[in-house]
């Protein structure tokens, strides 16, 4: 009888440990609002951003140190209509903590349609980013005096056919 309980216990432990190691792919895909993105860009603190971004299912991927800034990349895997995507968000902070930029890239959700209504109170201006120079990319750039926000739609070749990559960048002035 002891060996029976021992066998059952080992089986349960094995199943639980395998379930914890299986990568999870989110089936819903929440994105932060413009007010959340601007709040994050105002943090000037990777530690604070790290806590908030993890609540949306993002996991830390890499840290990149450059001359004037440090960037932290987070990813999340999502499944929309049985198609797997990887969402990526980068938090770049100046080494003197004077400014930060949030950049979000995805192919899973139309960020242009999601964010444009939220930017109705912002002034539109000329886009001066690298993506806007690409003829396959359409960008709209916004300014409210405190933040510059670029929203772009790039036509790309995806593994499942033609599609779009969407990009939003929020920079505190």
Protein backbone atom coordinates (compact mmCIF):
# COMPACT_ATOMS: atom_id res chain seq x y z
CA UNK A 1 0.00 0.00 0.00
CA UNK A 2 2.91 2.34 0.78
CA UNK A 3 4.35 1.76 -2.68
CA UNK A 4 0.98 2.60 -4.21
CA UNK A 5 0.84 5.97 -2.42
CA UNK A 6 4.48 6.61 -3.26
CA UNK A 7 3.82 5.90 -6.96
CA UNK A 8 0.75 8.17 -7.00
CA UNK A 9 2.71 10.93 -5.21
CA UNK A 10 5.58 10.72 -7.71
CA UNK A 11 3.14 10.75 -10.61
CA UNK A 12 1.43 13.90 -9.28
CA UNK A 13 4.77 15.64 -8.68
CA UNK A 14 5.89 14.79 -12.21
CA UNK A 15 2.65 16.08 -13.74
CA UNK A 16 2.75 19.30 -11.73
CA UNK A 17 6.37 20.02 -12.63
CA UNK A 18 5.66 19.42 -16.35
CA UNK A 19 2.65 21.73 -16.22
CA UNK A 20 4.80 24.49 -14.71
CA UNK A 21 7.48 24.11 -17.40
CA UNK A 22 5.07 24.21 -20.35
CA UNK A 23 5.25 27.65 -21.98
CA UNK A 24 1.95 29.44 -21.80
CA UNK A 25 0.55 31.37 -24.71
CA UNK A 26 -2.02 33.99 -23.79
CA UNK A 27 -5.25 33.90 -25.75
CA UNK A 28 -6.36 37.41 -24.86
CA UNK A 29 -4.22 40.36 -25.72
CA UNK A 30 -4.63 43.41 -23.46
CA UNK A 31 -2.61 46.48 -24.38
CA UNK A 32 -1.96 49.47 -22.13
CA UNK A 33 -3.90 52.67 -22.76
CA UNK A 34 -2.24 55.91 -23.86
CA UNK A 35 -2.52 57.25 -20.31
CA UNK A 36 -0.74 54.13 -19.01
CA UNK A 37 2.01 54.42 -21.63
CA UNK A 38 2.58 58.10 -20.81
CA UNK A 39 2.65 57.28 -17.08
CA UNK A 40 5.29 54.60 -17.73
CA UNK A 41 7.34 57.02 -19.84
CA UNK A 42 7.26 59.40 -16.85
CA UNK A 43 8.57 56.82 -14.38
CA UNK A 44 12.26 57.05 -15.33
CA UNK A 45 12.51 53.81 -13.34
CA UNK A 46 12.96 50.37 -14.86
CA UNK A 47 12.11 48.70 -11.55
CA UNK A 48 8.68 50.35 -11.40
CA UNK A 49 8.03 49.66 -15.10
CA UNK A 50 9.09 46.02 -14.63
CA UNK A 51 6.36 45.45 -12.02
CA UNK A 52 3.64 47.05 -14.14
CA UNK A 53 4.48 45.37 -17.47
CA UNK A 54 4.49 41.89 -15.96
CA UNK A 55 0.79 42.30 -15.04
CA UNK A 56 0.05 42.29 -18.81
CA UNK A 57 1.84 38.96 -19.30
CA UNK A 58 5.18 40.28 -20.55
CA UNK A 59 8.40 38.59 -19.47
CA UNK A 60 11.85 40.16 -19.34
CA UNK A 61 14.00 39.17 -22.34
CA UNK A 62 17.17 41.29 -22.44
CA UNK A 63 19.00 44.38 -21.26
CA UNK A 64 21.05 46.45 -23.70
CA UNK A 65 23.46 49.10 -22.47
CA UNK A 66 24.43 51.90 -24.84
CA UNK A 67 26.45 55.10 -24.42
CA UNK A 68 23.62 57.40 -23.32
CA UNK A 69 20.84 54.96 -22.40
CA UNK A 70 19.87 51.48 -21.32
CA UNK A 71 17.00 49.53 -22.84
CA UNK A 72 15.03 46.67 -21.36
CA UNK A 73 13.12 44.37 -23.71
CA UNK A 74 10.07 42.36 -22.65
CA UNK A 75 8.10 39.85 -24.73
CA UNK A 76 4.80 38.05 -24.51
CA UNK A 77 3.54 35.21 -26.64
CA UNK A 78 -0.11 35.39 -27.68
CA UNK A 79 -2.43 33.27 -29.77
CA UNK A 80 -5.15 35.02 -31.78
CA UNK A 81 -7.44 32.84 -33.92
CA UNK A 82 -5.00 29.93 -33.50
CA UNK A 83 -2.08 31.98 -34.84
CA UNK A 84 0.88 32.55 -32.51
CA UNK A 85 2.45 36.00 -32.22
CA UNK A 86 5.14 37.59 -30.11
CA UNK A 87 4.47 41.07 -28.74
CA UNK A 88 7.56 43.09 -27.81
CA UNK A 89 7.87 46.18 -25.62
CA UNK A 90 11.08 48.10 -25.02
CA UNK A 91 11.64 50.51 -22.15
CA UNK A 92 14.59 52.81 -22.90
CA UNK A 93 15.83 55.09 -20.14
CA UNK A 94 18.57 57.72 -20.28
CA UNK A 95 21.55 56.86 -18.09
CA UNK A 96 20.97 60.05 -16.07
CA UNK A 97 17.25 59.11 -15.61
CA UNK A 98 16.24 62.30 -17.43
CA UNK A 99 14.03 60.72 -20.09
CA UNK A 100 12.45 57.45 -21.10
CA UNK A 101 10.80 55.99 -24.18
CA UNK A 102 8.30 53.15 -24.45
CA UNK A 103 8.17 51.25 -27.78
CA UNK A 104 5.61 48.53 -28.44
CA UNK A 105 5.65 46.30 -31.54
CA UNK A 106 3.09 43.65 -32.48
CA UNK A 107 1.52 41.90 -35.45
CA UNK A 108 -1.35 40.51 -33.38
CA UNK A 109 -3.46 43.63 -32.94
CA UNK A 110 -4.11 46.74 -35.03
CA UNK A 111 -2.55 49.34 -32.75
CA UNK A 112 -3.47 52.15 -35.13
CA UNK A 113 -7.19 51.45 -34.67
CA UNK A 114 -6.70 50.86 -30.95
CA UNK A 115 -4.71 54.02 -30.13
CA UNK A 116 -5.94 56.63 -32.67
CA UNK A 117 -9.26 57.34 -30.85
CA UNK A 118 -7.32 57.77 -27.58
CA UNK A 119 -5.11 60.42 -29.25
CA UNK A 120 -7.98 62.69 -30.37
CA UNK A 121 -6.86 65.49 -28.04
CA UNK A 122 -3.28 65.45 -29.33
CA UNK A 123 -1.90 67.68 -32.08
CA UNK A 124 -0.68 65.78 -35.17
CA UNK A 125 2.66 66.73 -36.65
CA UNK A 126 5.30 65.74 -39.15
CA UNK A 127 6.82 62.35 -38.47
CA UNK A 128 10.57 62.40 -38.16
CA UNK A 129 11.30 58.78 -37.22
CA UNK A 130 13.17 56.10 -39.16
CA UNK A 131 10.04 54.04 -39.81
CA UNK A 132 8.21 56.96 -41.46
CA UNK A 133 10.91 57.07 -44.16
CA UNK A 134 10.06 53.53 -45.31
CA UNK A 135 7.56 53.50 -48.19
CA UNK A 136 5.88 50.34 -46.80
CA UNK A 137 5.13 52.13 -43.53
CA UNK A 138 2.45 54.66 -42.66
CA UNK A 139 3.04 56.74 -39.53
CA UNK A 140 1.05 59.37 -37.70
CA UNK A 141 2.86 61.42 -35.08
CA UNK A 142 1.22 63.19 -32.16
CA UNK A 143 2.32 65.81 -29.64
CA UNK A 144 0.58 67.13 -26.53
CA UNK A 145 3.38 69.33 -25.21
CA UNK A 146 4.64 66.70 -22.76
CA UNK A 147 4.93 63.62 -24.97
CA UNK A 148 5.72 62.70 -28.57
CA UNK A 149 3.77 59.64 -29.71
CA UNK A 150 4.38 57.87 -33.03
CA UNK A 151 1.90 55.25 -34.27
CA UNK A 152 2.97 53.25 -37.33
CA UNK A 153 1.59 50.51 -39.56
CA UNK A 154 4.16 48.57 -41.59
CA UNK A 155 3.17 46.19 -44.39
CA UNK A 156 5.35 43.06 -44.05
CA UNK A 157 5.72 39.47 -45.19
CA UNK A 158 4.71 37.15 -42.37
CA UNK A 159 5.17 33.39 -42.24
CA UNK A 160 1.42 32.93 -42.77
CA UNK A 161 1.26 35.47 -45.63
CA UNK A 162 1.22 39.22 -45.99
CA UNK A 163 0.35 41.15 -42.88
CA UNK A 164 1.12 44.19 -40.81
CA UNK A 165 3.43 45.05 -37.96
CA UNK A 166 2.16 47.78 -35.70
CA UNK A 167 4.36 50.10 -33.67
CA UNK A 168 3.78 52.77 -31.06
CA UNK A 169 6.45 54.85 -29.39
CA UNK A 170 5.83 57.18 -26.44
CA UNK A 171 8.64 59.59 -25.57
CA UNK A 172 8.56 62.04 -22.70
CA UNK A 173 9.89 65.45 -23.73
